[in-house]
């Protein structure tokens, strides 16, 4: 979920996640440099709070955020989630390649 101060901007799908930031899919009309709070719900972990800034708004409903403040424990949790996804991908029998994130996310959730 994204917040602009106390105002909830909604839920967005994570397309890409790294310790430095994330790429989101979902409706948003935010200018680069806008400061936000992101609440990340990682599988098997408690929700994490991260301060972020809008790095760019891409074509389609895609938004790139750069973390500006992330606790060491939150960074560890993100790294752990990434490792888990990579390990599952290594064992995967299916490769999903789409030019846009929407169909790939729906297929991945169904698997």
C-alpha atoms as a PDB file:
ATOM      1  CA  UNK A   1       0.000   0.000   0.000  1.00  0.00           C
ATOM      2  CA  UNK A   2       1.152   3.540  -0.674  1.00  0.00           C
ATOM      3  CA  UNK A   3       0.507   6.519   1.532  1.00  0.00           C
ATOM      4  CA  UNK A   4       0.940  10.251   0.931  1.00  0.00           C
ATOM      5  CA  UNK A   5       1.198  11.386   4.544  1.00  0.00           C
ATOM      6  CA  UNK A   6      -2.018   9.976   6.049  1.00  0.00           C
ATOM      7  CA  UNK A   7      -3.881   9.559   2.734  1.00  0.00           C
ATOM      8  CA  UNK A   8      -3.945   6.005   1.322  1.00  0.00           C
ATOM      9  CA  UNK A   9      -3.159   5.952  -2.407  1.00  0.00           C
ATOM     10  CA  UNK A  10      -4.170   2.312  -2.788  1.00  0.00           C
ATOM     11  CA  UNK A  11      -2.698  -1.134  -3.293  1.00  0.00           C
ATOM     12  CA  UNK A  12      -0.264  -1.847  -6.088  1.00  0.00           C
ATOM     13  CA  UNK A  13       1.301  -5.027  -7.442  1.00  0.00           C
ATOM     14  CA  UNK A  14       5.076  -5.314  -7.054  1.00  0.00           C
ATOM     15  CA  UNK A  15       6.682  -5.960 -10.442  1.00  0.00           C
ATOM     16  CA  UNK A  16      10.272  -5.762  -9.230  1.00  0.00           C
ATOM     17  CA  UNK A  17      11.762  -5.481  -5.736  1.00  0.00           C
ATOM     18  CA  UNK A  18      15.309  -4.708  -4.592  1.00  0.00           C
ATOM     19  CA  UNK A  19      16.930  -3.344  -1.446  1.00  0.00           C
ATOM     20  CA  UNK A  20      17.115   0.046  -3.193  1.00  0.00           C
ATOM     21  CA  UNK A  21      13.503   0.340  -4.283  1.00  0.00           C
ATOM     22  CA  UNK A  22      10.645  -1.203  -6.189  1.00  0.00           C
ATOM     23  CA  UNK A  23       8.658  -1.061  -9.400  1.00  0.00           C
ATOM     24  CA  UNK A  24       4.895  -1.057  -8.956  1.00  0.00           C
ATOM     25  CA  UNK A  25       2.007  -1.733 -11.291  1.00  0.00           C
ATOM     26  CA  UNK A  26      -1.224   0.063 -10.591  1.00  0.00           C
ATOM     27  CA  UNK A  27      -2.928   3.406 -10.977  1.00  0.00           C
ATOM     28  CA  UNK A  28      -0.943   6.381  -9.746  1.00  0.00           C
ATOM     29  CA  UNK A  29      -0.390   9.893 -11.008  1.00  0.00           C
ATOM     30  CA  UNK A  30       2.576  11.057  -8.954  1.00  0.00           C
ATOM     31  CA  UNK A  31       5.379  13.424  -9.890  1.00  0.00           C
ATOM     32  CA  UNK A  32       9.018  12.425  -9.629  1.00  0.00           C
ATOM     33  CA  UNK A  33      10.420  13.472  -6.267  1.00  0.00           C
ATOM     34  CA  UNK A  34       7.124  12.967  -4.392  1.00  0.00           C
ATOM     35  CA  UNK A  35       7.759  11.464  -0.935  1.00  0.00           C
ATOM     36  CA  UNK A  36       5.628   8.473   0.053  1.00  0.00           C
ATOM     37  CA  UNK A  37       5.370   5.727   2.626  1.00  0.00           C
ATOM     38  CA  UNK A  38       5.148   2.166   1.328  1.00  0.00           C
ATOM     39  CA  UNK A  39       3.820  -0.715   3.378  1.00  0.00           C
ATOM     40  CA  UNK A  40       5.196  -3.932   1.907  1.00  0.00           C
ATOM     41  CA  UNK A  41       3.514  -7.262   2.521  1.00  0.00           C
ATOM     42  CA  UNK A  42       6.139  -9.921   1.915  1.00  0.00           C
ATOM     43  CA  UNK A  43       5.109 -13.609   1.874  1.00  0.00           C
ATOM     44  CA  UNK A  44       5.596 -15.260   5.247  1.00  0.00           C
ATOM     45  CA  UNK A  45       6.742 -12.051   6.958  1.00  0.00           C
ATOM     46  CA  UNK A  46       5.167  -9.185   8.822  1.00  0.00           C
ATOM     47  CA  UNK A  47       4.363  -5.992   6.918  1.00  0.00           C
ATOM     48  CA  UNK A  48       7.298  -3.614   6.444  1.00  0.00           C
ATOM     49  CA  UNK A  49       7.220   0.163   6.394  1.00  0.00           C
ATOM     50  CA  UNK A  50       9.583   2.014   4.060  1.00  0.00           C
ATOM     51  CA  UNK A  51       9.957   5.683   3.255  1.00  0.00           C
ATOM     52  CA  UNK A  52      10.371   6.224  -0.482  1.00  0.00           C
ATOM     53  CA  UNK A  53      10.473   8.819  -3.218  1.00  0.00           C
ATOM     54  CA  UNK A  54       8.972   8.568  -6.701  1.00  0.00           C
ATOM     55  CA  UNK A  55      11.898   7.965  -9.048  1.00  0.00           C
ATOM     56  CA  UNK A  56       9.825   7.921 -12.242  1.00  0.00           C
ATOM     57  CA  UNK A  57       6.397   7.216 -13.700  1.00  0.00           C
ATOM     58  CA  UNK A  58       6.604   4.959 -16.746  1.00  0.00           C
ATOM     59  CA  UNK A  59       4.181   4.413 -19.596  1.00  0.00           C
ATOM     60  CA  UNK A  60       1.154   2.487 -18.520  1.00  0.00           C
ATOM     61  CA  UNK A  61       0.361   2.331 -14.840  1.00  0.00           C
ATOM     62  CA  UNK A  62       3.943   1.671 -13.711  1.00  0.00           C
ATOM     63  CA  UNK A  63       5.675   3.579 -10.917  1.00  0.00           C
ATOM     64  CA  UNK A  64       9.299   3.333  -9.767  1.00  0.00           C
ATOM     65  CA  UNK A  65      10.098   4.155  -6.128  1.00  0.00           C
ATOM     66  CA  UNK A  66      13.504   4.538  -4.496  1.00  0.00           C
ATOM     67  CA  UNK A  67      13.742   3.821  -0.786  1.00  0.00           C
ATOM     68  CA  UNK A  68      14.992   6.797   1.204  1.00  0.00           C
ATOM     69  CA  UNK A  69      14.851   5.194   4.633  1.00  0.00           C
ATOM     70  CA  UNK A  70      14.872   1.472   5.262  1.00  0.00           C
ATOM     71  CA  UNK A  71      15.754  -0.180   8.560  1.00  0.00           C
ATOM     72  CA  UNK A  72      18.425  -2.901   8.535  1.00  0.00           C
ATOM     73  CA  UNK A  73      15.800  -5.484   9.525  1.00  0.00           C
ATOM     74  CA  UNK A  74      13.522  -4.378   6.672  1.00  0.00           C
ATOM     75  CA  UNK A  75      16.435  -4.592   4.224  1.00  0.00           C
ATOM     76  CA  UNK A  76      17.214  -8.108   5.504  1.00  0.00           C
ATOM     77  CA  UNK A  77      13.565  -9.117   5.065  1.00  0.00           C
ATOM     78  CA  UNK A  78      13.550  -7.824   1.478  1.00  0.00           C
ATOM     79  CA  UNK A  79      16.787  -9.652   0.675  1.00  0.00           C
ATOM     80  CA  UNK A  80      15.343 -12.845   2.181  1.00  0.00           C
ATOM     81  CA  UNK A  81      12.165 -12.508   0.103  1.00  0.00           C
ATOM     82  CA  UNK A  82      14.255 -12.025  -3.052  1.00  0.00           C
ATOM     83  CA  UNK A  83      16.330 -15.122  -2.295  1.00  0.00           C
ATOM     84  CA  UNK A  84      13.129 -17.137  -1.719  1.00  0.00           C
ATOM     85  CA  UNK A  85      11.725 -16.036  -5.091  1.00  0.00           C
ATOM     86  CA  UNK A  86      15.002 -16.822  -6.879  1.00  0.00           C
ATOM     87  CA  UNK A  87      15.124 -20.292  -5.311  1.00  0.00           C
ATOM     88  CA  UNK A  88      11.538 -20.999  -6.381  1.00  0.00           C
ATOM     89  CA  UNK A  89      12.303 -19.691  -9.884  1.00  0.00           C
ATOM     90  CA  UNK A  90      15.337 -21.940 -10.132  1.00  0.00           C
ATOM     91  CA  UNK A  91      13.077 -24.940  -9.512  1.00  0.00           C
ATOM     92  CA  UNK A  92      10.315 -23.690 -11.843  1.00  0.00           C
ATOM     93  CA  UNK A  93       9.281 -25.654 -14.889  1.00  0.00           C
ATOM     94  CA  UNK A  94       7.571 -22.729 -16.647  1.00  0.00           C
ATOM     95  CA  UNK A  95       8.943 -19.417 -17.946  1.00  0.00           C
ATOM     96  CA  UNK A  96       6.466 -16.550 -18.254  1.00  0.00           C
ATOM     97  CA  UNK A  97       7.498 -13.805 -20.692  1.00  0.00           C
ATOM     98  CA  UNK A  98       5.123 -10.946 -21.474  1.00  0.00           C
ATOM     99  CA  UNK A  99       5.725  -7.407 -22.716  1.00  0.00           C
ATOM    100  CA  UNK A 100       3.578  -6.008 -19.897  1.00  0.00           C
ATOM    101  CA  UNK A 101       3.448  -7.045 -16.218  1.00  0.00           C
ATOM    102  CA  UNK A 102      -0.320  -7.597 -15.951  1.00  0.00           C
ATOM    103  CA  UNK A 103      -0.758 -10.929 -17.792  1.00  0.00           C
ATOM    104  CA  UNK A 104       2.431 -12.383 -16.304  1.00  0.00           C
ATOM    105  CA  UNK A 105       1.341 -11.514 -12.771  1.00  0.00           C
ATOM    106  CA  UNK A 106      -2.049 -13.137 -13.276  1.00  0.00           C
ATOM    107  CA  UNK A 107      -0.486 -16.310 -14.687  1.00  0.00           C
ATOM    108  CA  UNK A 108       2.147 -16.463 -11.912  1.00  0.00           C
ATOM    109  CA  UNK A 109      -0.546 -16.136  -9.234  1.00  0.00           C
ATOM    110  CA  UNK A 110      -2.530 -18.962 -10.842  1.00  0.00           C
ATOM    111  CA  UNK A 111       0.523 -21.245 -10.715  1.00  0.00           C
END
